[in-house]
């Protein structure tokens, strides 16, 4: 194409997408390539990195599903597996009462 700079090519397309993360100092590309080879081609990252509203929507959907997953797993542990769960609230109340109350010395 006339008047098209020769240094614009699709060779560096993934670098541009990764540069949107603002984590160049951490050598994120090398780390991800060593863990998951071909990670940049398995997903259309431009949806997440170029459209901030879509990224926020996906993150909020994930955080909305986490409590639902926790409730489902708790129900499954209680009703199906009959596994006693760690009751954080009860243990926290016992621990705070032990630290905050004074014992009587006789």
N, C-alpha and C. Protein backbone atom coordinates (compact mmCIF):
# COMPACT_ATOMS: atom_id res chain seq x y z
N UNK A 1 0.84 -1.17 0.00
CA UNK A 1 0.00 0.00 0.00
C UNK A 1 0.89 1.24 0.00
N UNK A 2 0.53 2.22 -0.75
CA UNK A 2 1.34 3.45 -0.75
C UNK A 2 1.16 4.21 0.56
N UNK A 3 2.21 4.88 0.97
CA UNK A 3 2.23 5.69 2.19
C UNK A 3 1.97 4.88 3.46
N UNK A 4 2.23 3.61 3.41
CA UNK A 4 2.05 2.75 4.59
C UNK A 4 3.42 2.44 5.16
N UNK A 5 3.70 2.76 6.42
CA UNK A 5 5.03 2.53 6.98
C UNK A 5 5.38 1.04 6.99
N UNK A 6 6.60 0.76 6.59
CA UNK A 6 7.03 -0.64 6.49
C UNK A 6 7.18 -1.29 7.87
N UNK A 7 7.40 -0.51 8.92
CA UNK A 7 7.58 -1.12 10.24
C UNK A 7 6.24 -1.53 10.87
N UNK A 8 5.10 -1.20 10.27
CA UNK A 8 3.82 -1.68 10.74
C UNK A 8 3.56 -3.05 10.14
N UNK A 9 3.65 -4.04 10.94
CA UNK A 9 3.37 -5.40 10.46
C UNK A 9 2.69 -6.16 11.59
N UNK A 10 2.19 -7.31 11.27
CA UNK A 10 1.53 -8.12 12.28
C UNK A 10 2.51 -8.95 13.09
N UNK A 11 3.80 -8.78 12.86
CA UNK A 11 4.80 -9.50 13.65
C UNK A 11 4.79 -9.06 15.10
N UNK A 12 4.46 -7.80 15.33
CA UNK A 12 4.51 -7.26 16.69
C UNK A 12 3.10 -7.02 17.25
N UNK A 13 2.11 -7.64 16.69
CA UNK A 13 0.73 -7.44 17.12
C UNK A 13 0.53 -7.90 18.56
N UNK A 14 1.08 -9.05 18.91
CA UNK A 14 0.94 -9.57 20.27
C UNK A 14 1.67 -8.68 21.27
N UNK A 15 2.77 -8.08 20.86
CA UNK A 15 3.51 -7.19 21.77
C UNK A 15 2.68 -5.96 22.10
N UNK A 16 1.94 -5.48 21.12
CA UNK A 16 1.10 -4.31 21.38
C UNK A 16 0.02 -4.67 22.38
N UNK A 17 -0.59 -5.84 22.23
CA UNK A 17 -1.63 -6.25 23.16
C UNK A 17 -1.06 -6.44 24.56
N UNK A 18 0.11 -7.04 24.65
CA UNK A 18 0.72 -7.27 25.95
C UNK A 18 1.19 -5.97 26.58
N UNK A 19 1.53 -5.00 25.76
CA UNK A 19 1.96 -3.71 26.29
C UNK A 19 0.81 -3.00 26.98
N UNK A 20 -0.43 -3.34 26.68
CA UNK A 20 -1.59 -2.74 27.34
C UNK A 20 -1.63 -3.11 28.82
N UNK A 21 -0.98 -4.19 29.21
CA UNK A 21 -1.00 -4.60 30.61
C UNK A 21 -0.11 -3.73 31.49
N UNK A 22 0.78 -2.99 30.94
CA UNK A 22 1.69 -2.11 31.68
C UNK A 22 2.55 -2.88 32.67
N UNK A 23 3.00 -4.05 32.28
CA UNK A 23 3.85 -4.87 33.14
C UNK A 23 5.13 -5.26 32.42
N UNK A 24 5.67 -4.36 31.62
CA UNK A 24 6.88 -4.68 30.84
C UNK A 24 8.06 -5.02 31.72
N UNK A 25 8.18 -4.40 32.87
CA UNK A 25 9.33 -4.62 33.74
C UNK A 25 9.38 -6.01 34.34
N UNK A 26 8.26 -6.72 34.32
CA UNK A 26 8.20 -8.05 34.92
C UNK A 26 8.50 -9.17 33.93
N UNK A 27 8.79 -8.85 32.69
CA UNK A 27 9.06 -9.84 31.64
C UNK A 27 7.93 -10.87 31.59
N UNK A 28 6.73 -10.35 31.53
CA UNK A 28 5.54 -11.18 31.56
C UNK A 28 5.44 -12.11 30.36
N UNK A 29 5.85 -11.62 29.20
CA UNK A 29 5.75 -12.45 27.99
C UNK A 29 6.60 -13.71 28.11
N UNK A 30 7.84 -13.58 28.58
CA UNK A 30 8.72 -14.75 28.71
C UNK A 30 8.17 -15.73 29.74
N UNK A 31 7.64 -15.20 30.83
CA UNK A 31 7.10 -16.06 31.87
C UNK A 31 5.89 -16.84 31.37
N UNK A 32 4.97 -16.16 30.70
CA UNK A 32 3.79 -16.84 30.18
C UNK A 32 4.14 -17.83 29.08
N UNK A 33 5.12 -17.51 28.25
CA UNK A 33 5.53 -18.45 27.21
C UNK A 33 6.16 -19.70 27.80
N UNK A 34 6.89 -19.56 28.92
CA UNK A 34 7.49 -20.74 29.52
C UNK A 34 6.46 -21.61 30.22
N UNK A 35 5.39 -21.00 30.74
CA UNK A 35 4.36 -21.77 31.42
C UNK A 35 3.35 -22.35 30.43
N UNK A 36 2.84 -21.51 29.55
CA UNK A 36 1.82 -21.92 28.57
C UNK A 36 2.25 -21.50 27.18
N UNK A 37 2.97 -22.34 26.46
CA UNK A 37 3.39 -21.96 25.11
C UNK A 37 2.17 -21.72 24.20
N UNK A 38 2.21 -20.63 23.48
CA UNK A 38 1.13 -20.29 22.57
C UNK A 38 -0.07 -19.66 23.26
N UNK A 39 0.12 -19.13 24.46
CA UNK A 39 -0.99 -18.55 25.22
C UNK A 39 -1.61 -17.34 24.52
N UNK A 40 -0.80 -16.60 23.77
CA UNK A 40 -1.31 -15.37 23.16
C UNK A 40 -2.20 -15.63 21.95
N UNK A 41 -2.16 -16.83 21.41
CA UNK A 41 -2.99 -17.14 20.24
C UNK A 41 -4.23 -17.94 20.61
N UNK A 42 -4.34 -18.41 21.85
CA UNK A 42 -5.48 -19.25 22.22
C UNK A 42 -6.72 -18.45 22.55
N UNK A 43 -6.59 -17.18 22.81
CA UNK A 43 -7.72 -16.34 23.19
C UNK A 43 -7.60 -15.00 22.48
N UNK A 44 -8.72 -14.42 22.16
CA UNK A 44 -8.71 -13.10 21.54
C UNK A 44 -8.54 -12.06 22.64
N UNK A 45 -7.30 -11.74 22.95
CA UNK A 45 -6.98 -10.83 24.04
C UNK A 45 -7.41 -9.41 23.77
N UNK A 46 -7.62 -9.06 22.51
CA UNK A 46 -8.00 -7.68 22.22
C UNK A 46 -9.36 -7.34 22.81
N UNK A 47 -10.23 -8.34 22.99
CA UNK A 47 -11.51 -8.07 23.64
C UNK A 47 -11.30 -7.57 25.07
N UNK A 48 -10.35 -8.15 25.77
CA UNK A 48 -10.12 -7.77 27.16
C UNK A 48 -9.27 -6.52 27.30
N UNK A 49 -8.25 -6.37 26.46
CA UNK A 49 -7.29 -5.30 26.64
C UNK A 49 -7.67 -4.01 25.95
N UNK A 50 -8.42 -4.08 24.87
CA UNK A 50 -8.79 -2.87 24.15
C UNK A 50 -10.14 -2.32 24.57
N UNK A 51 -10.98 -3.18 25.09
CA UNK A 51 -12.31 -2.74 25.52
C UNK A 51 -12.41 -2.88 27.04
N UNK A 52 -12.12 -1.79 27.74
CA UNK A 52 -12.08 -1.82 29.20
C UNK A 52 -13.43 -2.18 29.80
N UNK A 53 -14.51 -1.74 29.17
CA UNK A 53 -15.84 -2.04 29.71
C UNK A 53 -16.12 -3.53 29.66
N UNK A 54 -15.67 -4.22 28.61
CA UNK A 54 -15.87 -5.66 28.52
C UNK A 54 -15.02 -6.38 29.56
N UNK A 55 -13.81 -5.90 29.79
CA UNK A 55 -12.93 -6.48 30.81
C UNK A 55 -13.56 -6.35 32.20
N UNK A 56 -14.10 -5.17 32.51
CA UNK A 56 -14.74 -4.95 33.81
C UNK A 56 -15.98 -5.82 33.94
N UNK A 57 -16.72 -5.99 32.88
CA UNK A 57 -17.89 -6.86 32.90
C UNK A 57 -17.50 -8.30 33.21
N UNK A 58 -16.47 -8.80 32.57
CA UNK A 58 -16.04 -10.18 32.80
C UNK A 58 -15.49 -10.38 34.21
N UNK A 59 -14.73 -9.42 34.71
CA UNK A 59 -14.20 -9.52 36.07
C UNK A 59 -15.33 -9.48 37.09
N UNK A 60 -16.30 -8.59 36.90
CA UNK A 60 -17.42 -8.51 37.84
C UNK A 60 -18.27 -9.77 37.78
N UNK A 61 -18.43 -10.36 36.61
CA UNK A 61 -19.17 -11.61 36.50
C UNK A 61 -18.45 -12.73 37.24
N UNK A 62 -17.13 -12.76 37.15
CA UNK A 62 -16.36 -13.79 37.86
C UNK A 62 -16.50 -13.61 39.36
N UNK A 63 -16.42 -12.36 39.84
CA UNK A 63 -16.57 -12.12 41.28
C UNK A 63 -18.00 -12.36 41.76
N UNK A 64 -18.98 -12.23 40.89
CA UNK A 64 -20.35 -12.53 41.27
C UNK A 64 -20.57 -14.03 41.35
N UNK A 65 -19.85 -14.80 40.55
CA UNK A 65 -20.02 -16.25 40.56
C UNK A 65 -19.28 -16.93 41.70
N UNK A 66 -18.26 -16.29 42.24
CA UNK A 66 -17.50 -16.92 43.32
C UNK A 66 -18.33 -17.17 44.58
N UNK A 67 -19.12 -16.21 45.07
CA UNK A 67 -19.97 -16.53 46.23
C UNK A 67 -21.00 -17.61 45.93
N UNK A 68 -21.53 -17.61 44.73
CA UNK A 68 -22.48 -18.65 44.35
C UNK A 68 -21.83 -20.01 44.36
N UNK A 69 -20.62 -20.11 43.86
CA UNK A 69 -19.88 -21.37 43.88
C UNK A 69 -19.59 -21.80 45.31
N UNK A 70 -19.25 -20.86 46.18
CA UNK A 70 -18.99 -21.17 47.58
C UNK A 70 -20.24 -21.71 48.25
N UNK A 71 -21.40 -21.11 48.00
CA UNK A 71 -22.65 -21.58 48.59
C UNK A 71 -22.99 -22.98 48.09
N UNK A 72 -22.79 -23.22 46.80
CA UNK A 72 -23.05 -24.56 46.25
C UNK A 72 -22.13 -25.62 46.86
N UNK A 73 -20.86 -25.29 47.00
CA UNK A 73 -19.93 -26.25 47.61
C UNK A 73 -20.25 -26.48 49.08
N UNK A 74 -20.66 -25.44 49.78
CA UNK A 74 -21.04 -25.60 51.19
C UNK A 74 -22.27 -26.49 51.31
N UNK A 75 -23.24 -26.28 50.46
CA UNK A 75 -24.43 -27.13 50.47
C UNK A 75 -24.06 -28.58 50.18
N UNK A 76 -23.21 -28.80 49.20
CA UNK A 76 -22.79 -30.15 48.84
C UNK A 76 -22.05 -30.82 49.99
N UNK A 77 -21.18 -30.07 50.67
CA UNK A 77 -20.44 -30.64 51.80
C UNK A 77 -21.37 -30.97 52.96
N UNK A 78 -22.35 -30.11 53.22
CA UNK A 78 -23.27 -30.34 54.33
C UNK A 78 -24.26 -31.46 54.05
N UNK A 79 -24.90 -31.42 52.92
CA UNK A 79 -26.01 -32.33 52.64
C UNK A 79 -25.59 -33.67 52.05
N UNK A 80 -24.65 -33.65 51.15
CA UNK A 80 -24.28 -34.88 50.44
C UNK A 80 -23.11 -35.61 51.09
N UNK A 81 -22.05 -34.88 51.39
CA UNK A 81 -20.85 -35.53 51.91
C UNK A 81 -20.86 -35.68 53.43
N UNK A 82 -21.71 -34.92 54.10
CA UNK A 82 -21.78 -34.92 55.56
C UNK A 82 -20.43 -34.62 56.19
N UNK A 83 -19.73 -33.65 55.62
CA UNK A 83 -18.43 -33.25 56.12
C UNK A 83 -18.63 -32.02 57.00
N UNK A 84 -18.15 -32.08 58.26
CA UNK A 84 -18.28 -30.87 59.08
C UNK A 84 -17.35 -29.78 58.57
N UNK A 85 -17.93 -28.62 58.37
CA UNK A 85 -17.14 -27.51 57.87
C UNK A 85 -16.58 -26.69 59.01
N UNK A 86 -15.51 -25.97 58.72
CA UNK A 86 -14.90 -25.07 59.68
C UNK A 86 -15.80 -23.84 59.79
N UNK A 87 -16.34 -23.61 60.96
CA UNK A 87 -17.23 -22.47 61.18
C UNK A 87 -16.40 -21.29 61.68
N UNK A 88 -16.01 -20.45 60.76
CA UNK A 88 -15.11 -19.34 61.07
C UNK A 88 -15.71 -18.40 62.12
N UNK A 89 -16.98 -18.09 61.99
CA UNK A 89 -17.61 -17.13 62.90
C UNK A 89 -17.56 -17.63 64.34
N UNK A 90 -17.87 -18.91 64.56
CA UNK A 90 -17.85 -19.47 65.91
C UNK A 90 -16.43 -19.48 66.49
N UNK A 91 -15.46 -19.87 65.70
CA UNK A 91 -14.08 -19.90 66.17
C UNK A 91 -13.56 -18.49 66.43
N UNK A 92 -13.97 -17.54 65.62
CA UNK A 92 -13.55 -16.16 65.81
C UNK A 92 -14.12 -15.60 67.11
N UNK A 93 -15.37 -15.88 67.40
CA UNK A 93 -15.98 -15.41 68.64
C UNK A 93 -15.30 -16.02 69.86
N UNK A 94 -14.98 -17.30 69.81
CA UNK A 94 -14.27 -17.94 70.92
C UNK A 94 -12.89 -17.33 71.11
N UNK A 95 -12.20 -17.09 70.03
CA UNK A 95 -10.85 -16.54 70.12
C UNK A 95 -10.86 -15.11 70.65
N UNK A 96 -11.78 -14.30 70.18
CA UNK A 96 -11.83 -12.93 70.66
C UNK A 96 -12.26 -12.86 72.12
N UNK A 97 -13.17 -13.74 72.54
CA UNK A 97 -13.57 -13.73 73.95
C UNK A 97 -12.42 -14.17 74.84
N UNK A 98 -11.58 -15.06 74.36
CA UNK A 98 -10.42 -15.49 75.15
C UNK A 98 -9.41 -14.36 75.29
N UNK A 99 -9.26 -13.54 74.28
CA UNK A 99 -8.29 -12.45 74.35
C UNK A 99 -8.84 -11.21 75.03
N UNK A 100 -10.13 -11.00 74.97
CA UNK A 100 -10.70 -9.74 75.44
C UNK A 100 -11.28 -9.82 76.86
N UNK A 101 -11.53 -11.00 77.35
CA UNK A 101 -12.07 -11.11 78.71
C UNK A 101 -10.92 -11.31 79.69
N UNK A 102 -11.14 -10.83 80.88
CA UNK A 102 -10.12 -11.00 81.91
C UNK A 102 -10.48 -12.19 82.79
N UNK A 103 -9.51 -12.92 83.18
CA UNK A 103 -9.75 -14.08 84.05
C UNK A 103 -9.60 -13.63 85.49
N UNK A 104 -10.37 -14.24 86.32
CA UNK A 104 -10.31 -13.90 87.73
C UNK A 104 -9.23 -14.73 88.40
N UNK A 105 -8.39 -14.08 89.13
CA UNK A 105 -7.32 -14.77 89.86
C UNK A 105 -7.78 -14.93 91.29
N UNK A 106 -7.76 -16.17 91.78
CA UNK A 106 -8.20 -16.43 93.15
C UNK A 106 -7.07 -16.51 94.10
